[in-house]
Amino acid sequence: LPYHRTGNRRKIRYVDALTYRNKLVNQRHDALDELGALDQE
């Protein structure tokens, strides 16, 4: 996750945090689809 420092603090852009969250959600959905297919198989 990209960030930059302001003094000794890390700052993350909101859009980068949302992009990462959406990536996590998509990974979870893919994993659930895979588990569902495995269950059916």
Full PDB file with SEQRES, HELIX, SHEET, SSBOND, CRYST1, ORIGX, SCALE, CONECT and MASTER records, all heavy atoms in Angstrom:
SEQRES   1 A   41  LEU PRO TYR HIS ARG THR GLY ASN ARG ARG LYS ILE ARG          
SEQRES   2 A   41  TYR VAL ASP ALA LEU THR TYR ARG ASN LYS LEU VAL ASN          
SEQRES   3 A   41  GLN ARG HIS ASP ALA LEU ASP GLU LEU GLY ALA LEU ASP          
SEQRES   4 A   41  GLN GLU                                                      
HELIX    1 AA1 TYR A   14  GLN A   40  1                                  27    
SHEET    1 AA1 2 HIS A   4  THR A   6  0                                        
SHEET    2 AA1 2 ARG A   9  LYS A  11 -1                                        
CRYST1    1.000    1.000    1.000  90.00  90.00  90.00 P 1           1          
ORIGX1      1.000000  0.000000  0.000000        0.00000                         
ORIGX2      0.000000  1.000000  0.000000        0.00000                         
ORIGX3      0.000000  0.000000  1.000000        0.00000                         
SCALE1      1.000000  0.000000  0.000000        0.00000                         
SCALE2      0.000000  1.000000  0.000000        0.00000                         
SCALE3      0.000000  0.000000  1.000000        0.00000                         
ATOM      1  N   LEU A   1       0.865  -1.176   0.000  1.00  0.00           N  
ATOM      2  CA  LEU A   1       0.000   0.000   0.000  1.00  0.00           C  
ATOM      3  C   LEU A   1       0.905   1.231   0.000  1.00  0.00           C  
ATOM      4  O   LEU A   1       1.767   1.370   0.866  1.00  0.00           O  
ATOM      5  CB  LEU A   1      -0.886  -0.028   1.250  1.00  0.00           C  
ATOM      6  CG  LEU A   1      -2.031   0.950   1.369  1.00  0.00           C  
ATOM      7  CD1 LEU A   1      -3.014   0.823   0.219  1.00  0.00           C  
ATOM      8  CD2 LEU A   1      -2.779   0.718   2.671  1.00  0.00           C  
ATOM      9  N   PRO A   2       0.748   2.122  -1.003  1.00  0.00           N  
ATOM     10  CA  PRO A   2       1.631   3.287  -1.055  1.00  0.00           C  
ATOM     11  C   PRO A   2       1.336   4.291   0.066  1.00  0.00           C  
ATOM     12  O   PRO A   2       0.197   4.420   0.507  1.00  0.00           O  
ATOM     13  CB  PRO A   2       1.330   3.906  -2.428  1.00  0.00           C  
ATOM     14  CG  PRO A   2       0.025   3.358  -2.849  1.00  0.00           C  
ATOM     15  CD  PRO A   2      -0.186   2.065  -2.121  1.00  0.00           C  
ATOM     16  N   TYR A   3       2.374   4.971   0.501  1.00  0.00           N  
ATOM     17  CA  TYR A   3       2.242   6.000   1.533  1.00  0.00           C  
ATOM     18  C   TYR A   3       3.406   6.974   1.391  1.00  0.00           C  
ATOM     19  O   TYR A   3       4.351   6.737   0.637  1.00  0.00           O  
ATOM     20  CB  TYR A   3       2.237   5.380   2.931  1.00  0.00           C  
ATOM     21  CG  TYR A   3       3.576   4.855   3.382  1.00  0.00           C  
ATOM     22  CD1 TYR A   3       4.419   5.641   4.167  1.00  0.00           C  
ATOM     23  CD2 TYR A   3       4.016   3.587   3.023  1.00  0.00           C  
ATOM     24  CE1 TYR A   3       5.649   5.160   4.581  1.00  0.00           C  
ATOM     25  CE2 TYR A   3       5.244   3.107   3.421  1.00  0.00           C  
ATOM     26  CZ  TYR A   3       6.058   3.897   4.197  1.00  0.00           C  
ATOM     27  OH  TYR A   3       7.279   3.424   4.598  1.00  0.00           O  
ATOM     28  N   HIS A   4       3.333   8.060   2.114  1.00  0.00           N  
ATOM     29  CA  HIS A   4       4.464   8.971   2.219  1.00  0.00           C  
ATOM     30  C   HIS A   4       4.536   9.455   3.657  1.00  0.00           C  
ATOM     31  O   HIS A   4       3.586   9.307   4.423  1.00  0.00           O  
ATOM     32  CB  HIS A   4       4.361  10.133   1.216  1.00  0.00           C  
ATOM     33  CG  HIS A   4       3.311  11.135   1.560  1.00  0.00           C  
ATOM     34  ND1 HIS A   4       1.984  10.948   1.252  1.00  0.00           N  
ATOM     35  CD2 HIS A   4       3.386  12.322   2.214  1.00  0.00           C  
ATOM     36  CE1 HIS A   4       1.290  11.986   1.690  1.00  0.00           C  
ATOM     37  NE2 HIS A   4       2.097  12.835   2.275  1.00  0.00           N  
ATOM     38  N   ARG A   5       5.675  10.019   3.982  1.00  0.00           N  
ATOM     39  CA  ARG A   5       5.865  10.500   5.358  1.00  0.00           C  
ATOM     40  C   ARG A   5       5.713  12.019   5.408  1.00  0.00           C  
ATOM     41  O   ARG A   5       6.168  12.724   4.530  1.00  0.00           O  
ATOM     42  CB  ARG A   5       7.235  10.112   5.880  1.00  0.00           C  
ATOM     43  CG  ARG A   5       7.337   8.649   6.197  1.00  0.00           C  
ATOM     44  CD  ARG A   5       8.616   8.387   6.987  1.00  0.00           C  
ATOM     45  NE  ARG A   5       8.728   6.998   7.353  1.00  0.00           N  
ATOM     46  CZ  ARG A   5       8.266   6.478   8.480  1.00  0.00           C  
ATOM     47  NH1 ARG A   5       7.661   7.233   9.350  1.00  0.00           N  
ATOM     48  NH2 ARG A   5       8.406   5.197   8.743  1.00  0.00           N  
ATOM     49  N   THR A   6       5.034  12.466   6.454  1.00  0.00           N  
ATOM     50  CA  THR A   6       4.953  13.878   6.785  1.00  0.00           C  
ATOM     51  C   THR A   6       5.575  13.988   8.174  1.00  0.00           C  
ATOM     52  O   THR A   6       4.939  13.604   9.162  1.00  0.00           O  
ATOM     53  CB  THR A   6       3.490  14.368   6.792  1.00  0.00           C  
ATOM     54  OG1 THR A   6       2.912  14.107   5.524  1.00  0.00           O  
ATOM     55  CG2 THR A   6       3.411  15.842   7.112  1.00  0.00           C  
ATOM     56  N   GLY A   7       6.821  14.419   8.209  1.00  0.00           N  
ATOM     57  CA  GLY A   7       7.553  14.384   9.475  1.00  0.00           C  
ATOM     58  C   GLY A   7       7.806  12.930   9.828  1.00  0.00           C  
ATOM     59  O   GLY A   7       8.329  12.169   9.030  1.00  0.00           O  
ATOM     60  N   ASN A   8       7.395  12.520  11.014  1.00  0.00           N  
ATOM     61  CA  ASN A   8       7.568  11.125  11.418  1.00  0.00           C  
ATOM     62  C   ASN A   8       6.277  10.318  11.280  1.00  0.00           C  
ATOM     63  O   ASN A   8       6.178   9.209  11.774  1.00  0.00           O  
ATOM     64  CB  ASN A   8       8.107  11.042  12.850  1.00  0.00           C  
ATOM     65  CG  ASN A   8       7.119  11.601  13.856  1.00  0.00           C  
ATOM     66  OD1 ASN A   8       6.117  12.210  13.492  1.00  0.00           O  
ATOM     67  ND2 ASN A   8       7.399  11.391  15.133  1.00  0.00           N  
ATOM     68  N   ARG A   9       5.290  10.880  10.610  1.00  0.00           N  
ATOM     69  CA  ARG A   9       3.990  10.201  10.450  1.00  0.00           C  
ATOM     70  C   ARG A   9       3.813   9.699   9.028  1.00  0.00           C  
ATOM     71  O   ARG A   9       4.215  10.349   8.077  1.00  0.00           O  
ATOM     72  CB  ARG A   9       2.859  11.154  10.800  1.00  0.00           C  
ATOM     73  CG  ARG A   9       2.971  11.701  12.204  1.00  0.00           C  
ATOM     74  CD  ARG A   9       1.633  12.134  12.717  1.00  0.00           C  
ATOM     75  NE  ARG A   9       1.759  12.710  14.033  1.00  0.00           N  
ATOM     76  CZ  ARG A   9       1.596  12.019  15.154  1.00  0.00           C  
ATOM     77  NH1 ARG A   9       1.316  10.753  15.098  1.00  0.00           N  
ATOM     78  NH2 ARG A   9       1.709  12.617  16.327  1.00  0.00           N  
ATOM     79  N   ARG A  10       3.169   8.541   8.909  1.00  0.00           N  
ATOM     80  CA  ARG A  10       2.853   7.985   7.599  1.00  0.00           C  
ATOM     81  C   ARG A  10       1.470   8.473   7.194  1.00  0.00           C  
ATOM     82  O   ARG A  10       0.542   8.433   7.993  1.00  0.00           O  
ATOM     83  CB  ARG A  10       2.862   6.466   7.638  1.00  0.00           C  
ATOM     84  CG  ARG A  10       4.181   5.886   8.049  1.00  0.00           C  
ATOM     85  CD  ARG A  10       4.031   4.391   8.223  1.00  0.00           C  
ATOM     86  NE  ARG A  10       5.038   3.875   9.113  1.00  0.00           N  
ATOM     87  CZ  ARG A  10       5.816   2.844   8.823  1.00  0.00           C  
ATOM     88  NH1 ARG A  10       5.682   2.230   7.672  1.00  0.00           N  
ATOM     89  NH2 ARG A  10       6.700   2.420   9.689  1.00  0.00           N  
ATOM     90  N   LYS A  11       1.344   8.872   5.948  1.00  0.00           N  
ATOM     91  CA  LYS A  11       0.056   9.325   5.411  1.00  0.00           C  
ATOM     92  C   LYS A  11      -0.269   8.487   4.183  1.00  0.00           C  
ATOM     93  O   LYS A  11       0.587   8.226   3.340  1.00  0.00           O  
ATOM     94  CB  LYS A  11       0.109  10.806   5.017  1.00  0.00           C  
ATOM     95  CG  LYS A  11       0.285  11.740   6.203  1.00  0.00           C  
ATOM     96  CD  LYS A  11      -0.955  11.764   7.045  1.00  0.00           C  
ATOM     97  CE  LYS A  11      -0.830  12.801   8.147  1.00  0.00           C  
ATOM     98  NZ  LYS A  11      -2.054  12.955   8.873  1.00  0.00           N  
ATOM     99  N   ILE A  12      -1.528   8.069   4.089  1.00  0.00           N  
ATOM    100  CA  ILE A  12      -2.000   7.247   2.976  1.00  0.00           C  
ATOM    101  C   ILE A  12      -3.127   8.005   2.301  1.00  0.00           C  
ATOM    102  O   ILE A  12      -4.025   8.522   2.972  1.00  0.00           O  
ATOM    103  CB  ILE A  12      -2.516   5.867   3.472  1.00  0.00           C  
ATOM    104  CG1 ILE A  12      -1.392   5.116   4.200  1.00  0.00           C  
ATOM    105  CG2 ILE A  12      -3.035   5.045   2.311  1.00  0.00           C  
ATOM    106  CD1 ILE A  12      -1.507   5.142   5.663  1.00  0.00           C  
ATOM    107  N   ARG A  13      -3.068   8.077   0.976  1.00  0.00           N  
ATOM    108  CA  ARG A  13      -4.140   8.747   0.255  1.00  0.00           C  
ATOM    109  C   ARG A  13      -5.408   7.890   0.338  1.00  0.00           C  
ATOM    110  O   ARG A  13      -5.355   6.666   0.247  1.00  0.00           O  
ATOM    111  CB  ARG A  13      -3.763   8.961  -1.214  1.00  0.00           C  
ATOM    112  CG  ARG A  13      -2.683   9.981  -1.402  1.00  0.00           C  
ATOM    113  CD  ARG A  13      -2.327  10.274  -2.850  1.00  0.00           C  
ATOM    114  NE  ARG A  13      -2.630   9.183  -3.763  1.00  0.00           N  
ATOM    115  CZ  ARG A  13      -3.157   9.345  -4.972  1.00  0.00           C  
ATOM    116  NH1 ARG A  13      -3.405  10.542  -5.427  1.00  0.00           N  
ATOM    117  NH2 ARG A  13      -3.401   8.309  -5.739  1.00  0.00           N  
ATOM    118  N   TYR A  14      -6.530   8.555   0.515  1.00  0.00           N  
ATOM    119  CA  TYR A  14      -7.821   7.883   0.626  1.00  0.00           C  
ATOM    120  C   TYR A  14      -8.082   6.994  -0.585  1.00  0.00           C  
ATOM    121  O   TYR A  14      -8.512   5.850  -0.450  1.00  0.00           O  
ATOM    122  CB  TYR A  14      -8.932   8.924   0.778  1.00  0.00           C  
ATOM    123  CG  TYR A  14     -10.324   8.349   0.823  1.00  0.00           C  
ATOM    124  CD1 TYR A  14     -10.755   7.610   1.914  1.00  0.00           C  
ATOM    125  CD2 TYR A  14     -11.216   8.540  -0.229  1.00  0.00           C  
ATOM    126  CE1 TYR A  14     -12.026   7.077   1.969  1.00  0.00           C  
ATOM    127  CE2 TYR A  14     -12.490   8.011  -0.184  1.00  0.00           C  
ATOM    128  CZ  TYR A  14     -12.894   7.289   0.912  1.00  0.00           C  
ATOM    129  OH  TYR A  14     -14.151   6.762   0.950  1.00  0.00           O  
ATOM    130  N   VAL A  15      -7.786   7.510  -1.775  1.00  0.00           N  
ATOM    131  CA  VAL A  15      -8.037   6.739  -2.998  1.00  0.00           C  
ATOM    132  C   VAL A  15      -7.187   5.464  -3.019  1.00  0.00           C  
ATOM    133  O   VAL A  15      -7.651   4.415  -3.479  1.00  0.00           O  
ATOM    134  CB  VAL A  15      -7.824   7.609  -4.258  1.00  0.00           C  
ATOM    135  CG1 VAL A  15      -6.369   7.976  -4.464  1.00  0.00           C  
ATOM    136  CG2 VAL A  15      -8.392   6.952  -5.489  1.00  0.00           C  
ATOM    137  N   ASP A  16      -5.955   5.519  -2.495  1.00  0.00           N  
ATOM    138  CA  ASP A  16      -5.114   4.317  -2.433  1.00  0.00           C  
ATOM    139  C   ASP A  16      -5.681   3.303  -1.440  1.00  0.00           C  
ATOM    140  O   ASP A  16      -5.653   2.094  -1.683  1.00  0.00           O  
ATOM    141  CB  ASP A  16      -3.678   4.682  -2.048  1.00  0.00           C  
ATOM    142  CG  ASP A  16      -2.966   5.473  -3.135  1.00  0.00           C  
ATOM    143  OD1 ASP A  16      -3.328   5.319  -4.322  1.00  0.00           O  
ATOM    144  OD2 ASP A  16      -2.044   6.238  -2.793  1.00  0.00           O  
ATOM    145  N   ALA A  17      -6.192   3.804  -0.312  1.00  0.00           N  
ATOM    146  CA  ALA A  17      -6.801   2.908   0.679  1.00  0.00           C  
ATOM    147  C   ALA A  17      -8.038   2.229   0.101  1.00  0.00           C  
ATOM    148  O   ALA A  17      -8.253   1.027   0.292  1.00  0.00           O  
ATOM    149  CB  ALA A  17      -7.156   3.675   1.950  1.00  0.00           C  
ATOM    150  N   LEU A  18      -8.864   2.991  -0.645  1.00  0.00           N  
ATOM    151  CA  LEU A  18     -10.053   2.396  -1.268  1.00  0.00           C  
ATOM    152  C   LEU A  18      -9.679   1.381  -2.327  1.00  0.00           C  
ATOM    153  O   LEU A  18     -10.310   0.321  -2.437  1.00  0.00           O  
ATOM    154  CB  LEU A  18     -10.922   3.483  -1.906  1.00  0.00           C  
ATOM    155  CG  LEU A  18     -11.886   4.214  -1.016  1.00  0.00           C  
ATOM    156  CD1 LEU A  18     -12.754   5.166  -1.839  1.00  0.00           C  
ATOM    157  CD2 LEU A  18     -12.764   3.269  -0.226  1.00  0.00           C  
ATOM    158  N   THR A  19      -8.661   1.687  -3.121  1.00  0.00           N  
ATOM    159  CA  THR A  19      -8.202   0.756  -4.152  1.00  0.00           C  
ATOM    160  C   THR A  19      -7.755  -0.551  -3.511  1.00  0.00           C  
ATOM    161  O   THR A  19      -8.102  -1.646  -3.983  1.00  0.00           O  
ATOM    162  CB  THR A  19      -7.046   1.382  -4.965  1.00  0.00           C  
ATOM    163  OG1 THR A  19      -7.523   2.574  -5.592  1.00  0.00           O  
ATOM    164  CG2 THR A  19      -6.523   0.427  -6.011  1.00  0.00           C  
ATOM    165  N   TYR A  20      -6.994  -0.456  -2.421  1.00  0.00           N  
ATOM    166  CA  TYR A  20      -6.537  -1.656  -1.732  1.00  0.00           C  
ATOM    167  C   TYR A  20      -7.714  -2.432  -1.141  1.00  0.00           C  
ATOM    168  O   TYR A  20      -7.772  -3.656  -1.241  1.00  0.00           O  
ATOM    169  CB  TYR A  20      -5.521  -1.296  -0.633  1.00  0.00           C  
ATOM    170  CG  TYR A  20      -4.907  -2.523  -0.011  1.00  0.00           C  
ATOM    171  CD1 TYR A  20      -3.891  -3.204  -0.650  1.00  0.00           C  
ATOM    172  CD2 TYR A  20      -5.372  -3.010   1.203  1.00  0.00           C  
ATOM    173  CE1 TYR A  20      -3.340  -4.345  -0.101  1.00  0.00           C  
ATOM    174  CE2 TYR A  20      -4.825  -4.150   1.769  1.00  0.00           C  
ATOM    175  CZ  TYR A  20      -3.812  -4.820   1.111  1.00  0.00           C  
ATOM    176  OH  TYR A  20      -3.285  -5.954   1.652  1.00  0.00           O  
ATOM    177  N   ARG A  21      -8.676  -1.705  -0.556  1.00  0.00           N  
ATOM    178  CA  ARG A  21      -9.858  -2.376   0.007  1.00  0.00           C  
ATOM    179  C   ARG A  21     -10.630  -3.113  -1.080  1.00  0.00           C  
ATOM    180  O   ARG A  21     -11.051  -4.262  -0.887  1.00  0.00           O  
ATOM    181  CB  ARG A  21     -10.764  -1.379   0.717  1.00  0.00           C  
ATOM    182  CG  ARG A  21     -11.936  -2.076   1.423  1.00  0.00           C  
ATOM    183  CD  ARG A  21     -12.822  -1.121   2.135  1.00  0.00           C  
ATOM    184  NE  ARG A  21     -13.607  -0.371   1.171  1.00  0.00           N  
ATOM    185  CZ  ARG A  21     -14.557   0.474   1.479  1.00  0.00           C  
ATOM    186  NH1 ARG A  21     -14.833   0.725   2.731  1.00  0.00           N  
ATOM    187  NH2 ARG A  21     -15.234   1.095   0.550  1.00  0.00           N  
ATOM    188  N   ASN A  22     -10.809  -2.480  -2.235  1.00  0.00           N  
ATOM    189  CA  ASN A  22     -11.514  -3.137  -3.345  1.00  0.00           C  
ATOM    190  C   ASN A  22     -10.765  -4.367  -3.828  1.00  0.00           C  
ATOM    191  O   ASN A  22     -11.376  -5.373  -4.182  1.00  0.00           O  
ATOM    192  CB  ASN A  22     -11.739  -2.147  -4.487  1.00  0.00           C  
ATOM    193  CG  ASN A  22     -12.735  -1.072  -4.129  1.00  0.00           C  
ATOM    194  OD1 ASN A  22     -13.548  -1.236  -3.216  1.00  0.00           O  
ATOM    195  ND2 ASN A  22     -12.663   0.053  -4.814  1.00  0.00           N  
ATOM    196  N   LYS A  23      -9.433  -4.289  -3.834  1.00  0.00           N  
ATOM    197  CA  LYS A  23      -8.612  -5.447  -4.209  1.00  0.00           C  
ATOM    198  C   LYS A  23      -8.852  -6.605  -3.238  1.00  0.00           C  
ATOM    199  O   LYS A  23      -9.022  -7.754  -3.642  1.00  0.00           O  
ATOM    200  CB  LYS A  23      -7.140  -5.041  -4.227  1.00  0.00           C  
ATOM    201  CG  LYS A  23      -6.181  -6.151  -4.534  1.00  0.00           C  
ATOM    202  CD  LYS A  23      -4.749  -5.610  -4.496  1.00  0.00           C  
ATOM    203  CE  LYS A  23      -3.814  -6.690  -4.025  1.00  0.00           C  
ATOM    204  NZ  LYS A  23      -2.464  -6.207  -3.790  1.00  0.00           N  
ATOM    205  N   LEU A  24      -8.893  -6.293  -1.936  1.00  0.00           N  
ATOM    206  CA  LEU A  24      -9.158  -7.327  -0.922  1.00  0.00           C  
ATOM    207  C   LEU A  24     -10.537  -7.950  -1.107  1.00  0.00           C  
ATOM    208  O   LEU A  24     -10.695  -9.176  -1.023  1.00  0.00           O  
ATOM    209  CB  LEU A  24      -9.062  -6.735   0.483  1.00  0.00           C  
ATOM    210  CG  LEU A  24      -7.690  -6.391   1.015  1.00  0.00           C  
ATOM    211  CD1 LEU A  24      -7.805  -5.795   2.417  1.00  0.00           C  
ATOM    212  CD2 LEU A  24      -6.784  -7.601   1.025  1.00  0.00           C  
ATOM    213  N   VAL A  25     -11.526  -7.109  -1.363  1.00  0.00           N  
ATOM    214  CA  VAL A  25     -12.890  -7.607  -1.567  1.00  0.00           C  
ATOM    215  C   VAL A  25     -12.932  -8.534  -2.774  1.00  0.00           C  
ATOM    216  O   VAL A  25     -13.534  -9.614  -2.721  1.00  0.00           O  
ATOM    217  CB  VAL A  25     -13.888  -6.430  -1.724  1.00  0.00           C  
ATOM    218  CG1 VAL A  25     -15.227  -6.905  -2.240  1.00  0.00           C  
ATOM    219  CG2 VAL A  25     -14.055  -5.698  -0.404  1.00  0.00           C  
ATOM    220  N   ASN A  26     -12.285  -8.143  -3.863  1.00  0.00           N  
ATOM    221  CA  ASN A  26     -12.258  -8.982  -5.068  1.00  0.00           C  
ATOM    222  C   ASN A  26     -11.553 -10.306  -4.810  1.00  0.00           C  
ATOM    223  O   ASN A  26     -11.998 -11.354  -5.286  1.00  0.00           O  
ATOM    224  CB  ASN A  26     -11.597  -8.239  -6.229  1.00  0.00           C  
ATOM    225  CG  ASN A  26     -12.460  -7.117  -6.752  1.00  0.00           C  
ATOM    226  OD1 ASN A  26     -13.679  -7.127  -6.604  1.00  0.00           O  
ATOM    227  ND2 ASN A  26     -11.837  -6.117  -7.355  1.00  0.00           N  
ATOM    228  N   GLN A  27     -10.452 -10.281  -4.049  1.00  0.00           N  
ATOM    229  CA  GLN A  27      -9.743 -11.511  -3.704  1.00  0.00           C  
ATOM    230  C   GLN A  27     -10.637 -12.433  -2.871  1.00  0.00           C  
ATOM    231  O   GLN A  27     -10.654 -13.651  -3.076  1.00  0.00           O  
ATOM    232  CB  GLN A  27      -8.462 -11.201  -2.938  1.00  0.00           C  
ATOM    233  CG  GLN A  27      -7.366 -10.621  -3.783  1.00  0.00           C  
ATOM    234  CD  GLN A  27      -6.155 -10.198  -2.956  1.00  0.00           C  
ATOM    235  OE1 GLN A  27      -6.230 -10.052  -1.729  1.00  0.00           O  
ATOM    236  NE2 GLN A  27      -5.036  -9.973  -3.638  1.00  0.00           N  
ATOM    237  N   ARG A  28     -11.383 -11.856  -1.946  1.00  0.00           N  
ATOM    238  CA  ARG A  28     -12.288 -12.663  -1.113  1.00  0.00           C  
ATOM    239  C   ARG A  28     -13.389 -13.294  -1.957  1.00  0.00           C  
ATOM    240  O   ARG A  28     -13.729 -14.462  -1.777  1.00  0.00           O  
ATOM    241  CB  ARG A  28     -12.891 -11.807  -0.004  1.00  0.00           C  
ATOM    242  CG  ARG A  28     -11.898 -11.431   1.061  1.00  0.00           C  
ATOM    243  CD  ARG A  28     -12.493 -10.498   2.091  1.00  0.00           C  
ATOM    244  NE  ARG A  28     -11.462 -10.044   3.022  1.00  0.00           N  
ATOM    245  CZ  ARG A  28     -11.419  -8.856   3.551  1.00  0.00           C  
ATOM    246  NH1 ARG A  28     -12.371  -7.972   3.286  1.00  0.00           N  
ATOM    247  NH2 ARG A  28     -10.450  -8.522   4.370  1.00  0.00           N  
ATOM    248  N   HIS A  29     -13.937 -12.519  -2.885  1.00  0.00           N  
ATOM    249  CA  HIS A  29     -14.982 -13.054  -3.762  1.00  0.00           C  
ATOM    250  C   HIS A  29     -14.437 -14.181  -4.630  1.00  0.00           C  
ATOM    251  O   HIS A  29     -15.104 -15.201  -4.818  1.00  0.00           O  
ATOM    252  CB  HIS A  29     -15.580 -11.943  -4.628  1.00  0.00           C  
ATOM    253  CG  HIS A  29     -16.501 -11.041  -3.889  1.00  0.00           C  
ATOM    254  ND1 HIS A  29     -17.814 -10.883  -4.213  1.00  0.00           N  
ATOM    255  CD2 HIS A  29     -16.300 -10.255  -2.807  1.00  0.00           C  
ATOM    256  CE1 HIS A  29     -18.389 -10.042  -3.384  1.00  0.00           C  
ATOM    257  NE2 HIS A  29     -17.474  -9.640  -2.519  1.00  0.00           N  
ATOM    258  N   ASP A  30     -13.224 -14.001  -5.170  1.00  0.00           N  
ATOM    259  CA  ASP A  30     -12.602 -15.039  -5.993  1.00  0.00           C  
ATOM    260  C   ASP A  30     -12.385 -16.314  -5.175  1.00  0.00           C  
ATOM    261  O   ASP A  30     -12.634 -17.422  -5.651  1.00  0.00           O  
ATOM    262  CB  ASP A  30     -11.273 -14.552  -6.572  1.00  0.00           C  
ATOM    263  CG  ASP A  30     -11.448 -13.461  -7.615  1.00  0.00           C  
ATOM    264  OD1 ASP A  30     -12.597 -13.271  -8.100  1.00  0.00           O  
ATOM    265  OD2 ASP A  30     -10.443 -12.784  -7.942  1.00  0.00           O  
ATOM    266  N   ALA A  31     -11.920 -16.160  -3.933  1.00  0.00           N  
ATOM    267  CA  ALA A  31     -11.691 -17.315  -3.064  1.00  0.00           C  
ATOM    268  C   ALA A  31     -13.002 -18.033  -2.758  1.00  0.00           C  
ATOM    269  O   ALA A  31     -13.064 -19.267  -2.774  1.00  0.00           O  
ATOM    270  CB  ALA A  31     -10.999 -16.880  -1.778  1.00  0.00           C  
ATOM    271  N   LEU A  32     -14.069 -17.273  -2.509  1.00  0.00           N  
ATOM    272  CA  LEU A  32     -15.375 -17.893  -2.243  1.00  0.00           C  
ATOM    273  C   LEU A  32     -15.901 -18.618  -3.476  1.00  0.00           C  
ATOM    274  O   LEU A  32     -16.472 -19.713  -3.361  1.00  0.00           O  
ATOM    275  CB  LEU A  32     -16.378 -16.837  -1.775  1.00  0.00           C  
ATOM    276  CG  LEU A  32     -16.179 -16.318  -0.354  1.00  0.00           C  
ATOM    277  CD1 LEU A  32     -17.108 -15.144  -0.079  1.00  0.00           C  
ATOM    278  CD2 LEU A  32     -16.408 -17.429   0.657  1.00  0.00           C  
ATOM    279  N   ASP A  33     -15.714 -18.025  -4.655  1.00  0.00           N  
ATOM    280  CA  ASP A  33     -16.129 -18.698  -5.898  1.00  0.00           C  
ATOM    281  C   ASP A  33     -15.364 -20.001  -6.090  1.00  0.00           C  
ATOM    282  O   ASP A  33     -15.939 -21.021  -6.470  1.00  0.00           O  
ATOM    283  CB  ASP A  33     -15.905 -17.782  -7.109  1.00  0.00           C  
ATOM    284  CG  ASP A  33     -16.867 -16.616  -7.151  1.00  0.00           C  
ATOM    285  OD1 ASP A  33     -17.905 -16.655  -6.436  1.00  0.00           O  
ATOM    286  OD2 ASP A  33     -16.586 -15.649  -7.897  1.00  0.00           O  
ATOM    287  N   GLU A  34     -14.078 -19.959  -5.794  1.00  0.00           N  
ATOM    288  CA  GLU A  34     -13.243 -21.151  -5.924  1.00  0.00           C  
ATOM    289  C   GLU A  34     -13.692 -22.233  -4.944  1.00  0.00           C  
ATOM    290  O   GLU A  34     -13.779 -23.416  -5.290  1.00  0.00           O  
ATOM    291  CB  GLU A  34     -11.783 -20.772  -5.673  1.00  0.00           C  
ATOM    292  CG  GLU A  34     -10.799 -21.848  -6.021  1.00  0.00           C  
ATOM    293  CD  GLU A  34      -9.368 -21.369  -5.857  1.00  0.00           C  
ATOM    294  OE1 GLU A  34      -9.074 -20.217  -6.223  1.00  0.00           O  
ATOM    295  OE2 GLU A  34      -8.551 -22.159  -5.338  1.00  0.00           O  
ATOM    296  N   LEU A  35     -13.982 -21.838  -3.704  1.00  0.00           N  
ATOM    297  CA  LEU A  35     -14.470 -22.805  -2.714  1.00  0.00           C  
ATOM    298  C   LEU A  35     -15.815 -23.388  -3.118  1.00  0.00           C  
ATOM    299  O   LEU A  35     -16.066 -24.592  -2.951  1.00  0.00           O  
ATOM    300  CB  LEU A  35     -14.593 -22.142  -1.339  1.00  0.00           C  
ATOM    301  CG  LEU A  35     -13.294 -21.932  -0.574  1.00  0.00           C  
ATOM    302  CD1 LEU A  35     -13.545 -21.110   0.683  1.00  0.00           C  
ATOM    303  CD2 LEU A  35     -12.659 -23.260  -0.223  1.00  0.00           C  
ATOM    304  N   GLY A  36     -16.686 -22.541  -3.652  1.00  0.00           N  
ATOM    305  CA  GLY A  36     -17.982 -23.031  -4.112  1.00  0.00           C  
ATOM    306  C   GLY A  36     -17.840 -24.032  -5.246  1.00  0.00           C  
ATOM    307  O   GLY A  36     -18.522 -25.066  -5.271  1.00  0.00           O  
ATOM    308  N   ALA A  37     -16.944 -23.752  -6.185  1.00  0.00           N  
ATOM    309  CA  ALA A  37     -16.709 -24.681  -7.297  1.00  0.00           C  
ATOM    310  C   ALA A  37     -16.130 -25.991  -6.786  1.00  0.00           C  
ATOM    311  O   ALA A  37     -16.504 -27.072  -7.253  1.00  0.00           O  
ATOM    312  CB  ALA A  37     -15.776 -24.034  -8.315  1.00  0.00           C  
ATOM    313  N   LEU A  38     -15.216 -25.909  -5.818  1.00  0.00           N  
ATOM    314  CA  LEU A  38     -14.624 -27.110  -5.231  1.00  0.00           C  
ATOM    315  C   LEU A  38     -15.684 -27.933  -4.506  1.00  0.00           C  
ATOM    316  O   LEU A  38     -15.706 -29.170  -4.621  1.00  0.00           O  
ATOM    317  CB  LEU A  38     -13.495 -26.721  -4.281  1.00  0.00           C  
ATOM    318  CG  LEU A  38     -12.660 -27.854  -3.697  1.00  0.00           C  
ATOM    319  CD1 LEU A  38     -11.999 -28.678  -4.799  1.00  0.00           C  
ATOM    320  CD2 LEU A  38     -11.605 -27.296  -2.755  1.00  0.00           C  
ATOM    321  N   ASP A  39     -16.568 -27.272  -3.778  1.00  0.00           N  
ATOM    322  CA  ASP A  39     -17.672 -27.973  -3.106  1.00  0.00           C  
ATOM    323  C   ASP A  39     -18.529 -28.737  -4.119  1.00  0.00           C  
ATOM    324  O   ASP A  39     -18.912 -29.886  -3.889  1.00  0.00           O  
ATOM    325  CB  ASP A  39     -18.562 -26.995  -2.343  1.00  0.00           C  
ATOM    326  CG  ASP A  39     -17.978 -26.618  -0.991  1.00  0.00           C  
ATOM    327  OD1 ASP A  39     -16.969 -27.225  -0.582  1.00  0.00           O  
ATOM    328  OD2 ASP A  39     -18.536 -25.704  -0.357  1.00  0.00           O  
ATOM    329  N   GLN A  40     -18.852 -28.071  -5.215  1.00  0.00           N  
ATOM    330  CA  GLN A  40     -19.674 -28.717  -6.246  1.00  0.00           C  
ATOM    331  C   GLN A  40     -18.945 -29.900  -6.862  1.00  0.00           C  
ATOM    332  O   GLN A  40     -19.524 -30.957  -7.093  1.00  0.00           O  
ATOM    333  CB  GLN A  40     -20.029 -27.698  -7.344  1.00  0.00           C  
ATOM    334  CG  GLN A  40     -20.980 -26.628  -6.905  1.00  0.00           C  
ATOM    335  CD  GLN A  40     -22.334 -27.158  -6.442  1.00  0.00           C  
ATOM    336  OE1 GLN A  40     -22.866 -28.093  -7.022  1.00  0.00           O  
ATOM    337  NE2 GLN A  40     -22.861 -26.574  -5.391  1.00  0.00           N  
ATOM    338  N   GLU A  41     -17.654 -29.722  -7.118  1.00  0.00           N  
ATOM    339  CA  GLU A  41     -16.855 -30.787  -7.709  1.00  0.00           C  
ATOM    340  C   GLU A  41     -16.783 -32.007  -6.809  1.00  0.00           C  
ATOM    341  O   GLU A  41     -16.818 -33.151  -7.268  1.00  0.00           O  
ATOM    342  CB  GLU A  41     -15.441 -30.237  -7.978  1.00  0.00           C  
ATOM    343  CG  GLU A  41     -14.525 -31.192  -8.686  1.00  0.00           C  
ATOM    344  CD  GLU A  41     -13.151 -30.570  -8.909  1.00  0.00           C  
ATOM    345  OE1 GLU A  41     -13.094 -29.452  -9.448  1.00  0.00           O  
ATOM    346  OE2 GLU A  41     -12.159 -31.204  -8.527  1.00  0.00           O  
TER     347      GLU A  41                                                      
MASTER        0    0    0    1    2    0    0    6  346    1    0    4          
END                                                                             
